N, C-alpha and C. Protein backbone atom coordinates (compact mmCIF):
# COMPACT_ATOMS: atom_id res chain seq x y z
N MET A 1 0.83 -1.19 0.00
CA MET A 1 0.00 0.00 0.00
C MET A 1 0.87 1.24 0.00
N THR A 2 0.35 2.28 -0.60
CA THR A 2 1.07 3.54 -0.59
C THR A 2 0.82 4.25 0.72
N GLN A 3 1.54 5.29 0.95
CA GLN A 3 1.41 6.04 2.19
C GLN A 3 0.54 7.28 2.03
N THR A 4 -0.25 7.34 0.98
CA THR A 4 -1.15 8.48 0.80
C THR A 4 -2.55 8.10 1.25
N ASN A 5 -3.40 9.08 1.35
CA ASN A 5 -4.79 8.83 1.74
C ASN A 5 -5.65 8.67 0.49
N GLY A 6 -6.75 7.95 0.64
CA GLY A 6 -7.65 7.74 -0.47
C GLY A 6 -9.08 7.74 0.00
N GLN A 7 -9.99 7.72 -0.98
CA GLN A 7 -11.41 7.69 -0.65
C GLN A 7 -11.97 6.32 -0.99
N VAL A 8 -12.89 5.86 -0.13
CA VAL A 8 -13.56 4.59 -0.35
C VAL A 8 -15.07 4.79 -0.23
N LEU A 9 -15.81 3.92 -0.90
CA LEU A 9 -17.26 3.88 -0.79
C LEU A 9 -17.61 2.75 0.16
N GLU A 10 -18.30 3.08 1.26
CA GLU A 10 -18.72 2.07 2.23
C GLU A 10 -20.11 1.55 1.85
N PHE A 11 -20.29 0.24 2.03
CA PHE A 11 -21.58 -0.39 1.76
C PHE A 11 -21.79 -1.55 2.71
N LYS A 12 -23.05 -1.95 2.86
CA LYS A 12 -23.41 -3.04 3.76
C LYS A 12 -23.70 -4.31 2.97
N LEU A 13 -23.20 -5.41 3.52
CA LEU A 13 -23.57 -6.76 3.09
C LEU A 13 -24.00 -7.46 4.36
N GLY A 14 -25.31 -7.61 4.54
CA GLY A 14 -25.81 -8.16 5.80
C GLY A 14 -25.51 -7.18 6.92
N ASP A 15 -24.93 -7.68 8.01
CA ASP A 15 -24.63 -6.85 9.17
C ASP A 15 -23.25 -6.19 9.09
N GLU A 16 -22.46 -6.54 8.11
CA GLU A 16 -21.07 -6.06 8.04
C GLU A 16 -20.93 -4.93 7.03
N THR A 17 -19.94 -4.07 7.30
CA THR A 17 -19.64 -2.96 6.40
C THR A 17 -18.38 -3.28 5.62
N TYR A 18 -18.44 -3.05 4.32
CA TYR A 18 -17.33 -3.26 3.41
C TYR A 18 -17.07 -1.96 2.67
N CYS A 19 -15.96 -1.89 1.97
CA CYS A 19 -15.70 -0.71 1.16
C CYS A 19 -14.84 -1.08 -0.04
N VAL A 20 -14.89 -0.21 -1.04
CA VAL A 20 -14.04 -0.32 -2.23
C VAL A 20 -13.50 1.07 -2.53
N SER A 21 -12.37 1.11 -3.20
CA SER A 21 -11.83 2.40 -3.62
C SER A 21 -12.82 3.08 -4.54
N ILE A 22 -13.06 4.35 -4.30
CA ILE A 22 -14.02 5.10 -5.12
C ILE A 22 -13.55 5.20 -6.57
N ASP A 23 -12.26 5.01 -6.81
CA ASP A 23 -11.72 5.07 -8.17
C ASP A 23 -12.33 4.03 -9.09
N TYR A 24 -12.78 2.91 -8.53
CA TYR A 24 -13.36 1.83 -9.34
C TYR A 24 -14.83 2.06 -9.68
N VAL A 25 -15.52 2.92 -8.94
CA VAL A 25 -16.97 3.07 -9.04
C VAL A 25 -17.34 4.09 -10.11
N THR A 26 -18.27 3.69 -11.00
CA THR A 26 -18.76 4.65 -12.00
C THR A 26 -20.12 5.22 -11.61
N GLU A 27 -20.96 4.42 -10.97
CA GLU A 27 -22.26 4.92 -10.53
C GLU A 27 -22.89 3.93 -9.54
N ILE A 28 -23.93 4.41 -8.89
CA ILE A 28 -24.73 3.59 -7.97
C ILE A 28 -26.17 3.70 -8.45
N VAL A 29 -26.82 2.56 -8.65
CA VAL A 29 -28.18 2.55 -9.17
C VAL A 29 -29.07 1.67 -8.30
N ASP A 30 -30.37 1.88 -8.41
CA ASP A 30 -31.34 1.01 -7.75
C ASP A 30 -31.38 -0.32 -8.48
N VAL A 31 -31.73 -1.37 -7.74
CA VAL A 31 -31.87 -2.68 -8.35
C VAL A 31 -33.08 -2.63 -9.28
N GLY A 32 -32.88 -3.04 -10.49
CA GLY A 32 -33.95 -3.12 -11.47
C GLY A 32 -34.24 -4.57 -11.78
N GLU A 33 -34.91 -4.78 -12.87
CA GLU A 33 -35.22 -6.15 -13.28
C GLU A 33 -33.99 -6.81 -13.88
N LEU A 34 -33.65 -7.97 -13.34
CA LEU A 34 -32.50 -8.72 -13.83
C LEU A 34 -32.96 -9.86 -14.72
N THR A 35 -32.19 -10.12 -15.76
CA THR A 35 -32.44 -11.25 -16.63
C THR A 35 -31.45 -12.35 -16.25
N THR A 36 -31.97 -13.50 -15.86
CA THR A 36 -31.14 -14.63 -15.47
C THR A 36 -30.46 -15.21 -16.70
N VAL A 37 -29.18 -15.55 -16.55
CA VAL A 37 -28.42 -16.15 -17.64
C VAL A 37 -28.20 -17.62 -17.31
N PRO A 38 -28.75 -18.53 -18.13
CA PRO A 38 -28.58 -19.96 -17.84
C PRO A 38 -27.10 -20.35 -17.82
N ASN A 39 -26.77 -21.28 -16.94
CA ASN A 39 -25.42 -21.84 -16.81
C ASN A 39 -24.36 -20.82 -16.41
N SER A 40 -24.77 -19.71 -15.81
CA SER A 40 -23.79 -18.73 -15.35
C SER A 40 -23.25 -19.17 -13.98
N PRO A 41 -22.11 -18.65 -13.58
CA PRO A 41 -21.57 -19.01 -12.25
C PRO A 41 -22.55 -18.62 -11.15
N PRO A 42 -22.49 -19.28 -9.99
CA PRO A 42 -23.46 -19.04 -8.93
C PRO A 42 -23.47 -17.60 -8.40
N HIS A 43 -22.35 -16.89 -8.51
CA HIS A 43 -22.29 -15.52 -8.00
C HIS A 43 -22.89 -14.50 -8.96
N VAL A 44 -23.19 -14.90 -10.20
CA VAL A 44 -23.80 -13.99 -11.17
C VAL A 44 -25.32 -14.11 -11.07
N GLU A 45 -25.95 -13.04 -10.59
CA GLU A 45 -27.40 -13.03 -10.40
C GLU A 45 -28.14 -12.84 -11.72
N GLY A 46 -27.48 -12.24 -12.69
CA GLY A 46 -28.10 -11.99 -13.99
C GLY A 46 -27.46 -10.80 -14.67
N VAL A 47 -28.15 -10.27 -15.67
CA VAL A 47 -27.68 -9.10 -16.39
C VAL A 47 -28.80 -8.07 -16.45
N MET A 48 -28.40 -6.81 -16.63
CA MET A 48 -29.38 -5.76 -16.84
C MET A 48 -28.80 -4.73 -17.79
N ASP A 49 -29.68 -3.95 -18.39
CA ASP A 49 -29.27 -2.90 -19.31
C ASP A 49 -29.06 -1.62 -18.51
N LEU A 50 -27.83 -1.14 -18.51
CA LEU A 50 -27.52 0.14 -17.86
C LEU A 50 -26.97 1.09 -18.91
N ARG A 51 -27.78 2.04 -19.31
CA ARG A 51 -27.41 3.05 -20.29
C ARG A 51 -26.91 2.44 -21.60
N GLY A 52 -27.63 1.40 -22.05
CA GLY A 52 -27.31 0.77 -23.32
C GLY A 52 -26.22 -0.28 -23.25
N ARG A 53 -25.69 -0.53 -22.07
CA ARG A 53 -24.62 -1.51 -21.91
C ARG A 53 -25.13 -2.70 -21.10
N THR A 54 -24.93 -3.91 -21.59
CA THR A 54 -25.29 -5.11 -20.84
C THR A 54 -24.30 -5.25 -19.69
N THR A 55 -24.84 -5.27 -18.47
CA THR A 55 -24.01 -5.27 -17.27
C THR A 55 -24.29 -6.53 -16.46
N SER A 56 -23.24 -7.30 -16.16
CA SER A 56 -23.37 -8.48 -15.31
C SER A 56 -23.53 -8.03 -13.87
N ILE A 57 -24.52 -8.60 -13.18
CA ILE A 57 -24.77 -8.25 -11.78
C ILE A 57 -24.32 -9.41 -10.91
N VAL A 58 -23.36 -9.13 -10.03
CA VAL A 58 -22.72 -10.12 -9.19
C VAL A 58 -23.22 -9.96 -7.75
N ASN A 59 -23.40 -11.08 -7.07
CA ASN A 59 -23.75 -11.05 -5.65
C ASN A 59 -22.48 -11.28 -4.85
N PRO A 60 -21.92 -10.22 -4.24
CA PRO A 60 -20.68 -10.40 -3.47
C PRO A 60 -20.86 -11.28 -2.24
N LYS A 61 -22.09 -11.44 -1.75
CA LYS A 61 -22.31 -12.35 -0.62
C LYS A 61 -21.95 -13.77 -1.02
N THR A 62 -22.26 -14.15 -2.25
CA THR A 62 -21.90 -15.47 -2.75
C THR A 62 -20.39 -15.56 -2.95
N VAL A 63 -19.80 -14.51 -3.51
CA VAL A 63 -18.35 -14.49 -3.76
C VAL A 63 -17.58 -14.66 -2.46
N PHE A 64 -18.01 -13.96 -1.40
CA PHE A 64 -17.28 -13.98 -0.13
C PHE A 64 -17.80 -15.05 0.84
N GLY A 65 -18.76 -15.87 0.42
CA GLY A 65 -19.25 -16.95 1.26
C GLY A 65 -20.06 -16.47 2.45
N LEU A 66 -20.78 -15.36 2.28
CA LEU A 66 -21.62 -14.83 3.35
C LEU A 66 -23.03 -15.37 3.20
N GLY A 67 -23.75 -15.49 4.29
CA GLY A 67 -25.15 -15.88 4.21
C GLY A 67 -25.97 -14.74 3.63
N ASP A 68 -27.18 -15.01 3.20
CA ASP A 68 -28.03 -13.98 2.63
C ASP A 68 -28.48 -12.96 3.67
N GLY A 69 -28.61 -13.39 4.92
CA GLY A 69 -29.01 -12.47 5.98
C GLY A 69 -30.44 -12.00 5.83
N ASP A 70 -30.82 -11.04 6.67
CA ASP A 70 -32.18 -10.53 6.66
C ASP A 70 -32.39 -9.40 5.68
N MET A 71 -31.33 -8.71 5.31
CA MET A 71 -31.48 -7.56 4.43
C MET A 71 -31.60 -8.00 2.98
N GLU A 72 -32.32 -7.20 2.22
CA GLU A 72 -32.47 -7.47 0.80
C GLU A 72 -31.68 -6.44 0.02
N ALA A 73 -30.91 -6.91 -0.96
CA ALA A 73 -30.11 -6.01 -1.78
C ALA A 73 -31.01 -5.00 -2.48
N ASN A 74 -30.69 -3.73 -2.32
CA ASN A 74 -31.53 -2.71 -2.97
C ASN A 74 -30.73 -1.73 -3.80
N ARG A 75 -29.42 -1.88 -3.85
CA ARG A 75 -28.59 -0.99 -4.65
C ARG A 75 -27.57 -1.82 -5.43
N ILE A 76 -27.08 -1.23 -6.51
CA ILE A 76 -26.03 -1.86 -7.32
C ILE A 76 -24.90 -0.86 -7.45
N ILE A 77 -23.70 -1.30 -7.08
CA ILE A 77 -22.50 -0.50 -7.31
C ILE A 77 -21.96 -0.93 -8.66
N VAL A 78 -21.91 0.00 -9.60
CA VAL A 78 -21.45 -0.30 -10.96
C VAL A 78 -19.98 0.10 -11.06
N TYR A 79 -19.18 -0.83 -11.56
CA TYR A 79 -17.74 -0.63 -11.64
C TYR A 79 -17.31 -0.24 -13.04
N ASP A 80 -16.18 0.44 -13.09
CA ASP A 80 -15.53 0.78 -14.35
C ASP A 80 -15.25 -0.53 -15.10
N PRO A 81 -15.65 -0.64 -16.38
CA PRO A 81 -15.45 -1.90 -17.10
C PRO A 81 -14.00 -2.35 -17.17
N GLU A 82 -13.05 -1.46 -16.98
CA GLU A 82 -11.64 -1.85 -17.05
C GLU A 82 -11.25 -2.80 -15.92
N ILE A 83 -11.96 -2.78 -14.78
CA ILE A 83 -11.57 -3.67 -13.68
C ILE A 83 -11.88 -5.13 -13.96
N THR A 84 -12.80 -5.39 -14.88
CA THR A 84 -13.17 -6.77 -15.17
C THR A 84 -12.30 -7.39 -16.26
N GLN A 85 -11.31 -6.67 -16.68
CA GLN A 85 -10.34 -7.15 -17.66
C GLN A 85 -11.02 -7.74 -18.89
N ASN A 86 -11.76 -6.88 -19.58
CA ASN A 86 -12.43 -7.22 -20.84
C ASN A 86 -13.55 -8.25 -20.70
N GLN A 87 -14.09 -8.42 -19.50
CA GLN A 87 -15.22 -9.32 -19.32
C GLN A 87 -16.54 -8.55 -19.42
N GLY A 88 -16.48 -7.25 -19.68
CA GLY A 88 -17.68 -6.43 -19.78
C GLY A 88 -17.98 -5.70 -18.49
N ALA A 89 -19.04 -4.92 -18.52
CA ALA A 89 -19.43 -4.12 -17.35
C ALA A 89 -19.96 -5.02 -16.25
N ALA A 90 -19.71 -4.61 -15.00
CA ALA A 90 -20.15 -5.41 -13.86
C ALA A 90 -20.64 -4.50 -12.74
N GLY A 91 -21.58 -5.03 -11.96
CA GLY A 91 -22.07 -4.34 -10.79
C GLY A 91 -22.28 -5.33 -9.67
N TRP A 92 -22.23 -4.82 -8.44
CA TRP A 92 -22.43 -5.67 -7.25
C TRP A 92 -23.72 -5.31 -6.58
N LEU A 93 -24.51 -6.34 -6.23
CA LEU A 93 -25.71 -6.17 -5.43
C LEU A 93 -25.30 -5.95 -3.98
N VAL A 94 -25.73 -4.85 -3.41
CA VAL A 94 -25.41 -4.58 -2.00
C VAL A 94 -26.69 -4.21 -1.27
N ASP A 95 -26.68 -4.43 0.04
CA ASP A 95 -27.87 -4.17 0.84
C ASP A 95 -28.10 -2.67 1.04
N GLU A 96 -27.02 -1.94 1.19
CA GLU A 96 -27.14 -0.51 1.46
C GLU A 96 -25.82 0.16 1.10
N VAL A 97 -25.90 1.32 0.45
CA VAL A 97 -24.71 2.14 0.22
C VAL A 97 -24.70 3.19 1.31
N LYS A 98 -23.57 3.29 2.01
CA LYS A 98 -23.51 4.18 3.16
C LYS A 98 -22.95 5.55 2.82
N GLN A 99 -21.66 5.63 2.53
CA GLN A 99 -21.03 6.93 2.35
C GLN A 99 -19.67 6.78 1.69
N VAL A 100 -19.15 7.90 1.22
CA VAL A 100 -17.77 7.98 0.75
C VAL A 100 -16.97 8.62 1.87
N VAL A 101 -15.87 7.97 2.26
CA VAL A 101 -15.05 8.48 3.35
C VAL A 101 -13.58 8.51 2.94
N GLN A 102 -12.85 9.37 3.59
CA GLN A 102 -11.40 9.46 3.42
C GLN A 102 -10.76 8.40 4.31
N VAL A 103 -9.76 7.69 3.79
CA VAL A 103 -9.08 6.65 4.56
C VAL A 103 -7.66 7.10 4.87
N ASP A 104 -7.30 6.96 6.11
CA ASP A 104 -5.92 7.18 6.55
C ASP A 104 -5.28 5.80 6.62
N TYR A 105 -4.27 5.57 5.82
CA TYR A 105 -3.66 4.24 5.76
C TYR A 105 -3.07 3.79 7.10
N ALA A 106 -2.86 4.71 8.01
CA ALA A 106 -2.39 4.34 9.35
C ALA A 106 -3.45 3.54 10.09
N ASN A 107 -4.73 3.66 9.65
CA ASN A 107 -5.83 2.93 10.29
C ASN A 107 -6.20 1.65 9.56
N VAL A 108 -5.38 1.24 8.58
CA VAL A 108 -5.67 0.03 7.80
C VAL A 108 -4.71 -1.08 8.23
N ASP A 109 -5.29 -2.18 8.73
CA ASP A 109 -4.49 -3.34 9.11
C ASP A 109 -4.51 -4.35 7.99
N GLU A 110 -3.50 -5.20 7.96
CA GLU A 110 -3.44 -6.26 6.97
C GLU A 110 -4.58 -7.24 7.18
N SER A 111 -5.05 -7.81 6.09
CA SER A 111 -6.15 -8.76 6.16
C SER A 111 -5.71 -10.06 6.81
N PRO A 112 -6.52 -10.58 7.75
CA PRO A 112 -6.23 -11.90 8.30
C PRO A 112 -6.76 -13.02 7.41
N ALA A 113 -7.45 -12.66 6.32
CA ALA A 113 -8.06 -13.65 5.43
C ALA A 113 -7.01 -14.37 4.60
N ALA A 114 -7.34 -15.58 4.20
CA ALA A 114 -6.44 -16.36 3.35
C ALA A 114 -6.30 -15.72 1.97
N ASP A 115 -7.38 -15.09 1.46
CA ASP A 115 -7.37 -14.46 0.15
C ASP A 115 -6.95 -13.01 0.30
N LYS A 116 -5.67 -12.78 0.44
CA LYS A 116 -5.16 -11.44 0.69
C LYS A 116 -5.20 -10.56 -0.55
N ASP A 117 -5.39 -11.13 -1.73
CA ASP A 117 -5.49 -10.31 -2.94
C ASP A 117 -6.84 -9.60 -3.00
N ALA A 118 -7.91 -10.31 -2.71
CA ALA A 118 -9.25 -9.73 -2.80
C ALA A 118 -9.56 -8.82 -1.61
N ILE A 119 -8.94 -9.05 -0.47
CA ILE A 119 -9.15 -8.23 0.72
C ILE A 119 -7.90 -7.37 0.91
N LYS A 120 -8.05 -6.05 0.67
CA LYS A 120 -6.91 -5.15 0.80
C LYS A 120 -6.52 -4.92 2.25
N GLY A 121 -7.50 -4.98 3.14
CA GLY A 121 -7.20 -4.76 4.54
C GLY A 121 -8.45 -4.56 5.36
N VAL A 122 -8.24 -4.26 6.64
CA VAL A 122 -9.32 -4.01 7.57
C VAL A 122 -9.11 -2.61 8.13
N ILE A 123 -10.12 -1.76 7.99
CA ILE A 123 -10.03 -0.38 8.45
C ILE A 123 -10.63 -0.29 9.85
N LYS A 124 -9.85 0.25 10.77
CA LYS A 124 -10.32 0.47 12.14
C LYS A 124 -11.01 1.83 12.19
N LYS A 125 -12.27 1.83 12.59
CA LYS A 125 -13.04 3.08 12.71
C LYS A 125 -12.90 3.61 14.14
N GLY A 126 -13.11 4.88 14.31
CA GLY A 126 -13.01 5.51 15.61
C GLY A 126 -14.02 5.00 16.62
N ASP A 127 -15.15 4.44 16.15
CA ASP A 127 -16.19 3.95 17.05
C ASP A 127 -15.98 2.49 17.47
N GLY A 128 -14.83 1.92 17.11
CA GLY A 128 -14.54 0.54 17.49
C GLY A 128 -14.99 -0.48 16.47
N ASN A 129 -15.66 -0.05 15.42
CA ASN A 129 -16.11 -0.97 14.37
C ASN A 129 -15.03 -1.12 13.31
N PHE A 130 -15.20 -2.12 12.46
CA PHE A 130 -14.26 -2.39 11.40
C PHE A 130 -14.97 -2.36 10.05
N VAL A 131 -14.22 -2.01 9.01
CA VAL A 131 -14.71 -2.03 7.64
C VAL A 131 -13.73 -2.88 6.84
N ILE A 132 -14.28 -3.85 6.10
CA ILE A 132 -13.46 -4.73 5.27
C ILE A 132 -13.27 -4.07 3.91
N TRP A 133 -12.02 -3.83 3.55
CA TRP A 133 -11.70 -3.16 2.29
C TRP A 133 -11.42 -4.22 1.23
N VAL A 134 -12.29 -4.30 0.23
CA VAL A 134 -12.15 -5.31 -0.82
C VAL A 134 -11.66 -4.67 -2.11
N ASP A 135 -11.03 -5.47 -2.93
CA ASP A 135 -10.52 -5.02 -4.22
C ASP A 135 -11.32 -5.69 -5.33
N PRO A 136 -12.27 -4.97 -5.93
CA PRO A 136 -13.10 -5.60 -6.95
C PRO A 136 -12.32 -6.05 -8.17
N GLN A 137 -11.21 -5.42 -8.43
CA GLN A 137 -10.38 -5.84 -9.57
C GLN A 137 -9.86 -7.26 -9.35
N GLN A 138 -9.46 -7.59 -8.13
CA GLN A 138 -8.99 -8.95 -7.84
C GLN A 138 -10.14 -9.95 -7.84
N VAL A 139 -11.31 -9.51 -7.38
CA VAL A 139 -12.47 -10.40 -7.37
C VAL A 139 -12.86 -10.79 -8.78
N HIS A 140 -12.74 -9.85 -9.72
CA HIS A 140 -13.16 -10.11 -11.10
C HIS A 140 -12.05 -10.64 -11.98
N SER A 141 -10.87 -10.87 -11.44
CA SER A 141 -9.78 -11.36 -12.30
C SER A 141 -9.79 -12.87 -12.41
């Protein structure tokens, strides 16, 4: 990691808060009607048309092995198509989009997870809570 500060978008998956670098995000939209794609991987919920572009909608709860929980996904974080390495546009179903915050790298600890590429780190918040910082580029590679 570099020693500069950056901005992240915080979002909820179930009871936990996650974040991604704001540099990857192109827009946030409401969940619309999804078209299921037969024989797609289990984490792909379907596709939808976003501004004339077919966009794959991924469920990060499936990717990260989280239960569905009580909350229902109501927002989609749409990523810059370059992060999917020519696999097309992609968005993540999330339960709630919270806020964009500035991150001080002094408050970011290394991930204890086995998949250290997809998890950039754990951010310690002033209120004693933690935010899991994920790298969507690694998830989609």
